[in-house]
C-alpha atoms as a PDB file:
ATOM      1  CA  UNK A   1      -8.351  -0.834 -29.950  1.00  0.00           C
ATOM      2  CA  UNK A   2      -7.276   2.405 -31.592  1.00  0.00           C
ATOM      3  CA  UNK A   3      -5.458   3.900 -28.622  1.00  0.00           C
ATOM      4  CA  UNK A   4      -2.324   2.394 -27.161  1.00  0.00           C
ATOM      5  CA  UNK A   5      -2.923   1.117 -23.598  1.00  0.00           C
ATOM      6  CA  UNK A   6      -1.475   3.333 -20.861  1.00  0.00           C
ATOM      7  CA  UNK A   7       1.316   1.634 -18.914  1.00  0.00           C
ATOM      8  CA  UNK A   8       0.976   2.725 -15.270  1.00  0.00           C
ATOM      9  CA  UNK A   9       4.670   2.987 -14.487  1.00  0.00           C
ATOM     10  CA  UNK A  10       4.992   2.891 -10.701  1.00  0.00           C
ATOM     11  CA  UNK A  11       8.756   2.538 -10.859  1.00  0.00           C
ATOM     12  CA  UNK A  12       9.298   5.869 -12.620  1.00  0.00           C
ATOM     13  CA  UNK A  13       6.652   7.710 -10.578  1.00  0.00           C
ATOM     14  CA  UNK A  14       8.089   6.408  -7.286  1.00  0.00           C
ATOM     15  CA  UNK A  15      11.525   7.809  -8.262  1.00  0.00           C
ATOM     16  CA  UNK A  16       9.909  11.186  -8.958  1.00  0.00           C
ATOM     17  CA  UNK A  17       8.171  11.078  -5.550  1.00  0.00           C
ATOM     18  CA  UNK A  18      11.439  10.127  -3.807  1.00  0.00           C
ATOM     19  CA  UNK A  19      13.316  13.026  -5.456  1.00  0.00           C
ATOM     20  CA  UNK A  20      10.701  15.414  -4.051  1.00  0.00           C
ATOM     21  CA  UNK A  21      10.820  13.764  -0.603  1.00  0.00           C
ATOM     22  CA  UNK A  22      14.621  14.094  -0.495  1.00  0.00           C
ATOM     23  CA  UNK A  23      14.238  17.888  -0.773  1.00  0.00           C
ATOM     24  CA  UNK A  24      11.569  17.911   1.945  1.00  0.00           C
ATOM     25  CA  UNK A  25      13.776  15.840   4.282  1.00  0.00           C
ATOM     26  CA  UNK A  26      16.735  18.193   3.658  1.00  0.00           C
ATOM     27  CA  UNK A  27      14.477  21.109   4.629  1.00  0.00           C
ATOM     28  CA  UNK A  28      13.374  19.357   7.860  1.00  0.00           C
ATOM     29  CA  UNK A  29      17.007  18.627   8.844  1.00  0.00           C
ATOM     30  CA  UNK A  30      18.085  22.188   8.008  1.00  0.00           C
ATOM     31  CA  UNK A  31      15.268  23.754  10.056  1.00  0.00           C
ATOM     32  CA  UNK A  32      15.255  21.419  13.067  1.00  0.00           C
ATOM     33  CA  UNK A  33      18.606  19.609  13.055  1.00  0.00           C
ATOM     34  CA  UNK A  34      16.649  16.358  13.410  1.00  0.00           C
ATOM     35  CA  UNK A  35      16.585  13.445  10.973  1.00  0.00           C
ATOM     36  CA  UNK A  36      13.144  11.802  10.484  1.00  0.00           C
ATOM     37  CA  UNK A  37      13.041   8.190  11.686  1.00  0.00           C
ATOM     38  CA  UNK A  38      10.847   5.304  10.495  1.00  0.00           C
ATOM     39  CA  UNK A  39      10.784   2.333  12.888  1.00  0.00           C
ATOM     40  CA  UNK A  40      10.274  -1.046  11.200  1.00  0.00           C
ATOM     41  CA  UNK A  41       9.265  -4.033  13.336  1.00  0.00           C
ATOM     42  CA  UNK A  42       9.930  -7.522  12.010  1.00  0.00           C
ATOM     43  CA  UNK A  43       8.815 -10.508  14.091  1.00  0.00           C
ATOM     44  CA  UNK A  44      10.506 -13.785  13.145  1.00  0.00           C
ATOM     45  CA  UNK A  45      12.590 -14.453  10.047  1.00  0.00           C
ATOM     46  CA  UNK A  46      10.169 -14.812   7.121  1.00  0.00           C
ATOM     47  CA  UNK A  47      12.459 -14.408   4.057  1.00  0.00           C
ATOM     48  CA  UNK A  48      10.034 -12.316   1.970  1.00  0.00           C
ATOM     49  CA  UNK A  49       9.216 -10.087   4.964  1.00  0.00           C
ATOM     50  CA  UNK A  50      12.949  -9.573   5.506  1.00  0.00           C
ATOM     51  CA  UNK A  51      13.310  -8.485   1.868  1.00  0.00           C
ATOM     52  CA  UNK A  52      10.376  -6.031   2.175  1.00  0.00           C
ATOM     53  CA  UNK A  53      11.780  -4.495   5.369  1.00  0.00           C
ATOM     54  CA  UNK A  54      15.186  -4.129   3.728  1.00  0.00           C
ATOM     55  CA  UNK A  55      13.611  -2.415   0.691  1.00  0.00           C
ATOM     56  CA  UNK A  56      11.809   0.023   2.987  1.00  0.00           C
ATOM     57  CA  UNK A  57      15.055   0.722   4.853  1.00  0.00           C
ATOM     58  CA  UNK A  58      16.856   1.392   1.564  1.00  0.00           C
ATOM     59  CA  UNK A  59      14.107   3.820   0.510  1.00  0.00           C
ATOM     60  CA  UNK A  60      14.554   5.698   3.827  1.00  0.00           C
ATOM     61  CA  UNK A  61      18.269   6.036   3.103  1.00  0.00           C
ATOM     62  CA  UNK A  62      17.668   7.285  -0.439  1.00  0.00           C
ATOM     63  CA  UNK A  63      15.603  10.235   0.818  1.00  0.00           C
ATOM     64  CA  UNK A  64      17.936  10.985   3.761  1.00  0.00           C
ATOM     65  CA  UNK A  65      15.830   9.505   6.579  1.00  0.00           C
ATOM     66  CA  UNK A  66      16.893   6.979   9.218  1.00  0.00           C
ATOM     67  CA  UNK A  67      15.377   3.524   9.472  1.00  0.00           C
ATOM     68  CA  UNK A  68      15.325   2.007  12.961  1.00  0.00           C
ATOM     69  CA  UNK A  69      15.081  -1.769  12.654  1.00  0.00           C
ATOM     70  CA  UNK A  70      13.399  -3.623  15.511  1.00  0.00           C
ATOM     71  CA  UNK A  71      13.847  -7.389  15.074  1.00  0.00           C
ATOM     72  CA  UNK A  72      11.937  -9.657  17.459  1.00  0.00           C
ATOM     73  CA  UNK A  73      12.174 -13.461  17.728  1.00  0.00           C
ATOM     74  CA  UNK A  74       9.622 -15.834  16.154  1.00  0.00           C
ATOM     75  CA  UNK A  75       8.261 -16.832  19.601  1.00  0.00           C
ATOM     76  CA  UNK A  76       7.405 -13.228  20.602  1.00  0.00           C
ATOM     77  CA  UNK A  77       4.016 -12.970  22.355  1.00  0.00           C
ATOM     78  CA  UNK A  78       1.274 -10.428  21.713  1.00  0.00           C
ATOM     79  CA  UNK A  79       2.080  -8.747  25.050  1.00  0.00           C
ATOM     80  CA  UNK A  80       5.775  -8.429  24.181  1.00  0.00           C
ATOM     81  CA  UNK A  81       4.989  -6.928  20.792  1.00  0.00           C
ATOM     82  CA  UNK A  82       2.474  -4.486  22.328  1.00  0.00           C
ATOM     83  CA  UNK A  83       5.182  -3.379  24.783  1.00  0.00           C
ATOM     84  CA  UNK A  84       7.680  -2.840  21.934  1.00  0.00           C
ATOM     85  CA  UNK A  85       5.119  -0.745  19.997  1.00  0.00           C
ATOM     86  CA  UNK A  86       4.259   1.320  23.087  1.00  0.00           C
ATOM     87  CA  UNK A  87       7.948   2.081  23.559  1.00  0.00           C
ATOM     88  CA  UNK A  88       8.135   3.411  19.977  1.00  0.00           C
ATOM     89  CA  UNK A  89       4.894   5.396  20.463  1.00  0.00           C
ATOM     90  CA  UNK A  90       6.539   7.176  23.402  1.00  0.00           C
ATOM     91  CA  UNK A  91       9.855   7.790  21.620  1.00  0.00           C
ATOM     92  CA  UNK A  92       9.857  11.413  20.463  1.00  0.00           C
ATOM     93  CA  UNK A  93      12.458  10.754  17.759  1.00  0.00           C
ATOM     94  CA  UNK A  94      10.225   8.255  15.886  1.00  0.00           C
ATOM     95  CA  UNK A  95       7.990   9.753  13.168  1.00  0.00           C
ATOM     96  CA  UNK A  96       6.446   6.554  11.842  1.00  0.00           C
ATOM     97  CA  UNK A  97       6.001   2.910  12.863  1.00  0.00           C
ATOM     98  CA  UNK A  98       5.703  -0.010  10.455  1.00  0.00           C
ATOM     99  CA  UNK A  99       4.772  -3.487  11.705  1.00  0.00           C
ATOM    100  CA  UNK A 100       5.637  -5.899   8.891  1.00  0.00           C
ATOM    101  CA  UNK A 101       2.706  -8.160   7.954  1.00  0.00           C
ATOM    102  CA  UNK A 102       2.223 -11.080   8.477  1.00  0.00           C
ATOM    103  CA  UNK A 103       3.272 -11.703  12.083  1.00  0.00           C
ATOM    104  CA  UNK A 104       3.626 -15.251  13.528  1.00  0.00           C
ATOM    105  CA  UNK A 105       0.340 -17.066  14.209  1.00  0.00           C
ATOM    106  CA  UNK A 106       0.398 -16.780  18.017  1.00  0.00           C
ATOM    107  CA  UNK A 107       0.251 -12.957  17.838  1.00  0.00           C
ATOM    108  CA  UNK A 108      -2.997 -10.961  17.720  1.00  0.00           C
ATOM    109  CA  UNK A 109      -2.034  -8.863  14.691  1.00  0.00           C
ATOM    110  CA  UNK A 110      -5.089  -6.602  14.836  1.00  0.00           C
ATOM    111  CA  UNK A 111      -4.453  -5.677  18.490  1.00  0.00           C
ATOM    112  CA  UNK A 112      -0.836  -4.874  17.623  1.00  0.00           C
ATOM    113  CA  UNK A 113      -1.740  -2.782  14.562  1.00  0.00           C
ATOM    114  CA  UNK A 114      -4.227  -0.823  16.665  1.00  0.00           C
ATOM    115  CA  UNK A 115      -1.607  -0.177  19.353  1.00  0.00           C
ATOM    116  CA  UNK A 116       0.303   2.051  16.889  1.00  0.00           C
ATOM    117  CA  UNK A 117      -0.296   5.738  17.707  1.00  0.00           C
ATOM    118  CA  UNK A 118      -2.532   7.333  15.052  1.00  0.00           C
ATOM    119  CA  UNK A 119       0.008  10.100  14.321  1.00  0.00           C
ATOM    120  CA  UNK A 120       2.697   7.434  13.687  1.00  0.00           C
ATOM    121  CA  UNK A 121       0.446   5.078  11.674  1.00  0.00           C
ATOM    122  CA  UNK A 122       2.238   5.892   8.409  1.00  0.00           C
ATOM    123  CA  UNK A 123       1.397   2.461   6.940  1.00  0.00           C
ATOM    124  CA  UNK A 124      -2.333   3.084   7.463  1.00  0.00           C
ATOM    125  CA  UNK A 125      -3.103  -0.116   9.380  1.00  0.00           C
ATOM    126  CA  UNK A 126      -5.173   1.013  12.398  1.00  0.00           C
ATOM    127  CA  UNK A 127      -8.963   0.716  12.646  1.00  0.00           C
ATOM    128  CA  UNK A 128      -9.084   4.399  13.597  1.00  0.00           C
ATOM    129  CA  UNK A 129      -7.094   5.410  10.499  1.00  0.00           C
ATOM    130  CA  UNK A 130      -9.307   3.236   8.281  1.00  0.00           C
ATOM    131  CA  UNK A 131     -12.469   4.740   9.786  1.00  0.00           C
ATOM    132  CA  UNK A 132     -11.251   8.303   9.313  1.00  0.00           C
ATOM    133  CA  UNK A 133     -10.155   7.620   5.732  1.00  0.00           C
ATOM    134  CA  UNK A 134     -13.502   5.952   4.924  1.00  0.00           C
ATOM    135  CA  UNK A 135     -15.359   8.996   6.245  1.00  0.00           C
ATOM    136  CA  UNK A 136     -13.228  11.324   4.136  1.00  0.00           C
ATOM    137  CA  UNK A 137     -11.364  12.683   7.174  1.00  0.00           C
ATOM    138  CA  UNK A 138      -7.600  13.298   7.311  1.00  0.00           C
ATOM    139  CA  UNK A 139      -5.667  10.062   7.921  1.00  0.00           C
ATOM    140  CA  UNK A 140      -2.688   8.191   6.556  1.00  0.00           C
ATOM    141  CA  UNK A 141      -4.062   5.727   4.018  1.00  0.00           C
ATOM    142  CA  UNK A 142      -3.044   2.080   3.826  1.00  0.00           C
ATOM    143  CA  UNK A 143       0.189   2.275   1.842  1.00  0.00           C
ATOM    144  CA  UNK A 144      -0.649  -0.025  -1.095  1.00  0.00           C
ATOM    145  CA  UNK A 145      -4.172   1.353  -1.775  1.00  0.00           C
ATOM    146  CA  UNK A 146      -2.976   4.950  -1.318  1.00  0.00           C
ATOM    147  CA  UNK A 147      -0.144   4.211  -3.755  1.00  0.00           C
ATOM    148  CA  UNK A 148      -2.641   2.821  -6.279  1.00  0.00           C
ATOM    149  CA  UNK A 149      -4.780   5.978  -5.986  1.00  0.00           C
ATOM    150  CA  UNK A 150      -1.714   8.170  -6.508  1.00  0.00           C
ATOM    151  CA  UNK A 151      -0.859   6.194  -9.665  1.00  0.00           C
ATOM    152  CA  UNK A 152      -4.434   6.512 -10.993  1.00  0.00           C
ATOM    153  CA  UNK A 153      -4.474  10.265 -10.329  1.00  0.00           C
ATOM    154  CA  UNK A 154      -0.998  10.838 -11.791  1.00  0.00           C
ATOM    155  CA  UNK A 155      -2.151   9.341 -15.089  1.00  0.00           C
ATOM    156  CA  UNK A 156      -5.449  11.263 -14.829  1.00  0.00           C
ATOM    157  CA  UNK A 157      -7.561   8.133 -15.231  1.00  0.00           C
ATOM    158  CA  UNK A 158     -11.319   8.565 -14.881  1.00  0.00           C
ATOM    159  CA  UNK A 159     -12.833   7.221 -11.638  1.00  0.00           C
ATOM    160  CA  UNK A 160     -16.084   9.144 -11.122  1.00  0.00           C
ATOM    161  CA  UNK A 161     -19.155   7.174 -12.215  1.00  0.00           C
ATOM    162  CA  UNK A 162     -17.065   4.131 -13.201  1.00  0.00           C
ATOM    163  CA  UNK A 163     -17.851   0.630 -11.957  1.00  0.00           C
ATOM    164  CA  UNK A 164     -14.869  -0.607  -9.925  1.00  0.00           C
ATOM    165  CA  UNK A 165     -14.634  -4.273  -8.983  1.00  0.00           C
ATOM    166  CA  UNK A 166     -12.195  -5.108  -6.174  1.00  0.00           C
ATOM    167  CA  UNK A 167     -11.310  -8.785  -5.820  1.00  0.00           C
ATOM    168  CA  UNK A 168     -10.177  -9.354  -2.217  1.00  0.00           C
ATOM    169  CA  UNK A 169     -11.277  -7.875   1.104  1.00  0.00           C
ATOM    170  CA  UNK A 170      -8.166  -7.795   3.286  1.00  0.00           C
ATOM    171  CA  UNK A 171      -8.085  -5.014   5.917  1.00  0.00           C
ATOM    172  CA  UNK A 172      -4.916  -3.456   4.487  1.00  0.00           C
ATOM    173  CA  UNK A 173      -5.705  -3.740   0.774  1.00  0.00           C
ATOM    174  CA  UNK A 174      -9.138  -4.820  -0.492  1.00  0.00           C
ATOM    175  CA  UNK A 175     -11.315  -2.916   1.990  1.00  0.00           C
ATOM    176  CA  UNK A 176      -9.331   0.363   1.984  1.00  0.00           C
ATOM    177  CA  UNK A 177      -8.980   0.541  -1.839  1.00  0.00           C
ATOM    178  CA  UNK A 178     -12.745  -0.011  -2.109  1.00  0.00           C
ATOM    179  CA  UNK A 179     -13.372   2.926   0.268  1.00  0.00           C
ATOM    180  CA  UNK A 180     -10.855   5.166  -1.527  1.00  0.00           C
ATOM    181  CA  UNK A 181     -12.521   4.467  -4.900  1.00  0.00           C
ATOM    182  CA  UNK A 182     -15.938   5.074  -3.330  1.00  0.00           C
ATOM    183  CA  UNK A 183     -14.700   8.421  -1.971  1.00  0.00           C
ATOM    184  CA  UNK A 184     -13.755   9.336  -5.559  1.00  0.00           C
ATOM    185  CA  UNK A 185     -17.334   8.581  -6.689  1.00  0.00           C
ATOM    186  CA  UNK A 186     -16.822   5.180  -8.275  1.00  0.00           C
ATOM    187  CA  UNK A 187     -19.543   2.555  -7.898  1.00  0.00           C
ATOM    188  CA  UNK A 188     -17.767  -0.240  -6.057  1.00  0.00           C
ATOM    189  CA  UNK A 189     -18.327  -4.002  -5.917  1.00  0.00           C
ATOM    190  CA  UNK A 190     -16.178  -6.012  -3.488  1.00  0.00           C
ATOM    191  CA  UNK A 191     -15.691  -9.689  -4.374  1.00  0.00           C
ATOM    192  CA  UNK A 192     -14.216 -12.403  -2.163  1.00  0.00           C
ATOM    193  CA  UNK A 193     -14.012 -16.183  -1.640  1.00  0.00           C
ATOM    194  CA  UNK A 194     -17.783 -16.492  -1.100  1.00  0.00           C
ATOM    195  CA  UNK A 195     -18.769 -14.398  -4.139  1.00  0.00           C
ATOM    196  CA  UNK A 196     -21.034 -16.148  -6.670  1.00  0.00           C
ATOM    197  CA  UNK A 197     -20.520 -15.667 -10.447  1.00  0.00           C
ATOM    198  CA  UNK A 198     -17.150 -13.920 -10.065  1.00  0.00           C
ATOM    199  CA  UNK A 199     -16.302 -13.895 -13.815  1.00  0.00           C
ATOM    200  CA  UNK A 200     -19.668 -12.238 -14.618  1.00  0.00           C
ATOM    201  CA  UNK A 201     -19.073  -9.479 -12.057  1.00  0.00           C
ATOM    202  CA  UNK A 202     -15.533  -8.851 -13.300  1.00  0.00           C
ATOM    203  CA  UNK A 203     -16.856  -8.581 -16.879  1.00  0.00           C
ATOM    204  CA  UNK A 204     -18.837  -5.499 -15.772  1.00  0.00           C
ATOM    205  CA  UNK A 205     -15.778  -3.712 -14.368  1.00  0.00           C
ATOM    206  CA  UNK A 206     -14.496  -0.438 -15.836  1.00  0.00           C
ATOM    207  CA  UNK A 207     -11.778  -0.622 -13.154  1.00  0.00           C
ATOM    208  CA  UNK A 208     -10.587  -3.996 -11.871  1.00  0.00           C
ATOM    209  CA  UNK A 209      -8.328  -4.312  -8.807  1.00  0.00           C
ATOM    210  CA  UNK A 210      -6.717  -7.705  -8.211  1.00  0.00           C
ATOM    211  CA  UNK A 211      -5.993  -8.017  -4.472  1.00  0.00           C
ATOM    212  CA  UNK A 212      -6.637 -11.692  -3.913  1.00  0.00           C
ATOM    213  CA  UNK A 213      -3.107 -13.051  -3.284  1.00  0.00           C
ATOM    214  CA  UNK A 214      -3.291 -15.946  -5.767  1.00  0.00           C
ATOM    215  CA  UNK A 215      -1.105 -16.084  -8.898  1.00  0.00           C
ATOM    216  CA  UNK A 216      -3.025 -15.182 -12.080  1.00  0.00           C
ATOM    217  CA  UNK A 217      -6.313 -16.051 -10.387  1.00  0.00           C
ATOM    218  CA  UNK A 218      -8.224 -13.427 -12.402  1.00  0.00           C
ATOM    219  CA  UNK A 219      -8.377 -14.603 -16.012  1.00  0.00           C
ATOM    220  CA  UNK A 220      -7.873 -12.276 -18.983  1.00  0.00           C
ATOM    221  CA  UNK A 221     -11.110 -13.379 -20.662  1.00  0.00           C
ATOM    222  CA  UNK A 222     -13.103 -12.236 -17.608  1.00  0.00           C
ATOM    223  CA  UNK A 223     -12.026  -8.639 -18.290  1.00  0.00           C
ATOM    224  CA  UNK A 224     -13.743  -6.451 -20.875  1.00  0.00           C
ATOM    225  CA  UNK A 225     -11.923  -4.312 -23.446  1.00  0.00           C
ATOM    226  CA  UNK A 226     -10.826  -0.813 -22.373  1.00  0.00           C
ATOM    227  CA  UNK A 227     -10.867  -1.601 -18.652  1.00  0.00           C
ATOM    228  CA  UNK A 228      -8.374  -0.079 -16.210  1.00  0.00           C
ATOM    229  CA  UNK A 229      -6.492  -3.106 -14.844  1.00  0.00           C
ATOM    230  CA  UNK A 230      -4.742  -2.730 -11.473  1.00  0.00           C
ATOM    231  CA  UNK A 231      -2.784  -5.748 -10.231  1.00  0.00           C
ATOM    232  CA  UNK A 232      -1.736  -5.471  -6.570  1.00  0.00           C
ATOM    233  CA  UNK A 233      -0.351  -9.010  -6.404  1.00  0.00           C
ATOM    234  CA  UNK A 234       3.189 -10.279  -6.722  1.00  0.00           C
ATOM    235  CA  UNK A 235       4.221 -13.929  -6.879  1.00  0.00           C
ATOM    236  CA  UNK A 236       7.233 -16.043  -7.831  1.00  0.00           C
ATOM    237  CA  UNK A 237       8.087 -15.813 -11.485  1.00  0.00           C
ATOM    238  CA  UNK A 238       7.087 -12.144 -11.686  1.00  0.00           C
ATOM    239  CA  UNK A 239       3.341 -12.642 -12.037  1.00  0.00           C
ATOM    240  CA  UNK A 240       0.505 -10.926 -10.218  1.00  0.00           C
ATOM    241  CA  UNK A 241      -3.111 -11.789  -9.350  1.00  0.00           C
ATOM    242  CA  UNK A 242      -4.334 -11.064 -12.913  1.00  0.00           C
ATOM    243  CA  UNK A 243      -3.323 -12.548 -16.280  1.00  0.00           C
ATOM    244  CA  UNK A 244      -1.814  -9.180 -17.229  1.00  0.00           C
ATOM    245  CA  UNK A 245       0.224 -10.492 -20.163  1.00  0.00           C
ATOM    246  CA  UNK A 246      -2.964 -11.693 -21.879  1.00  0.00           C
ATOM    247  CA  UNK A 247      -5.107  -8.606 -21.215  1.00  0.00           C
ATOM    248  CA  UNK A 248      -2.707  -5.643 -21.408  1.00  0.00           C
ATOM    249  CA  UNK A 249      -3.011  -5.120 -25.179  1.00  0.00           C
ATOM    250  CA  UNK A 250      -6.742  -4.457 -24.929  1.00  0.00           C
ATOM    251  CA  UNK A 251      -6.815  -2.600 -21.624  1.00  0.00           C
ATOM    252  CA  UNK A 252      -7.319   1.160 -21.387  1.00  0.00           C
ATOM    253  CA  UNK A 253      -4.520   1.210 -18.780  1.00  0.00           C
ATOM    254  CA  UNK A 254      -2.695  -1.435 -16.756  1.00  0.00           C
ATOM    255  CA  UNK A 255      -0.051  -1.881 -14.070  1.00  0.00           C
ATOM    256  CA  UNK A 256       2.954  -4.025 -15.015  1.00  0.00           C
ATOM    257  CA  UNK A 257       4.111  -6.760 -12.608  1.00  0.00           C
ATOM    258  CA  UNK A 258       6.683  -6.020 -11.298  1.00  0.00           C
ATOM    259  CA  UNK A 259       7.133  -2.241 -11.495  1.00  0.00           C
ATOM    260  CA  UNK A 260       3.532  -1.107 -11.084  1.00  0.00           C
ATOM    261  CA  UNK A 261       1.930  -1.158  -7.630  1.00  0.00           C
ATOM    262  CA  UNK A 262       4.950  -2.440  -5.615  1.00  0.00           C
ATOM    263  CA  UNK A 263       7.205   0.629  -5.887  1.00  0.00           C
ATOM    264  CA  UNK A 264       4.202   2.882  -5.127  1.00  0.00           C
ATOM    265  CA  UNK A 265       3.584   1.072  -1.823  1.00  0.00           C
ATOM    266  CA  UNK A 266       7.073   1.904  -0.560  1.00  0.00           C
ATOM    267  CA  UNK A 267       6.974   5.469  -1.955  1.00  0.00           C
ATOM    268  CA  UNK A 268       3.668   6.070  -0.131  1.00  0.00           C
ATOM    269  CA  UNK A 269       5.002   4.710   3.168  1.00  0.00           C
ATOM    270  CA  UNK A 270       8.040   7.019   2.933  1.00  0.00           C
ATOM    271  CA  UNK A 271       5.917   9.993   1.852  1.00  0.00           C
ATOM    272  CA  UNK A 272       3.550   9.541   4.816  1.00  0.00           C
ATOM    273  CA  UNK A 273       6.538   9.283   7.173  1.00  0.00           C
ATOM    274  CA  UNK A 274       7.883  12.579   5.802  1.00  0.00           C
ATOM    275  CA  UNK A 275       4.420  14.168   6.278  1.00  0.00           C
ATOM    276  CA  UNK A 276       4.384  12.907   9.873  1.00  0.00           C
ATOM    277  CA  UNK A 277       7.893  14.327  10.432  1.00  0.00           C
ATOM    278  CA  UNK A 278       6.824  17.708   9.046  1.00  0.00           C
ATOM    279  CA  UNK A 279       3.861  17.827  11.434  1.00  0.00           C
ATOM    280  CA  UNK A 280       5.884  16.583  14.415  1.00  0.00           C
ATOM    281  CA  UNK A 281       8.995  18.684  13.965  1.00  0.00           C
ATOM    282  CA  UNK A 282       7.337  21.959  12.989  1.00  0.00           C
END
């Protein structure tokens, strides 16, 4: 390869986004006297979920917003969680609601996601939000996919006419990123656990998105030279869903793990909360 691969630096971009959001939050407070609030709901005490919620709370603080933490016990029922969400929907001071995924097994997560009011769905988890986004209508996108798209656009990477292969079909990552790429005129293939000849399909990808949730599941030798490699996974030992270390030198562009997609997820969540606050408080 003649050209040096482009490192898609989510860490630096997220800091730039936060600096801009800080100014927007200051403006909101100055004009209305109200501080935007993001409510975060954590059910149970999953250690990694606790870390994620804390990181989101810290990001709120950095831009001058308030984070309202709602901690519910492990044995919470679906009904109890729905009641807690409804209370936040009706609270005028709340601009955004985040329900940390995953919730304990006894809870109907989809019903609880869909209980979140569309104007407070800043994490982009409702069926209604997904449908609107897929149809090209205004909606808050799922935070991780929307963060990926922001990263791609910031580095002016070509999407139109490219073949994008998304590995994974989760409702908050695989499916929405596929729709977002489709809306930008990529030709999209979605692969999953029942896909036949996965390596052959990945070999055709101009853009590959790893969203499968298994450490280094996607092998470097499945990926062609000059591909755009987006790794949305994070696992112990600082590895993602793709063998990034073995493919990065021959990629056109790639996300590091950590420091690529992760910081963009949080920046997007905060940005969408600020947008919600601007709409609400104006």
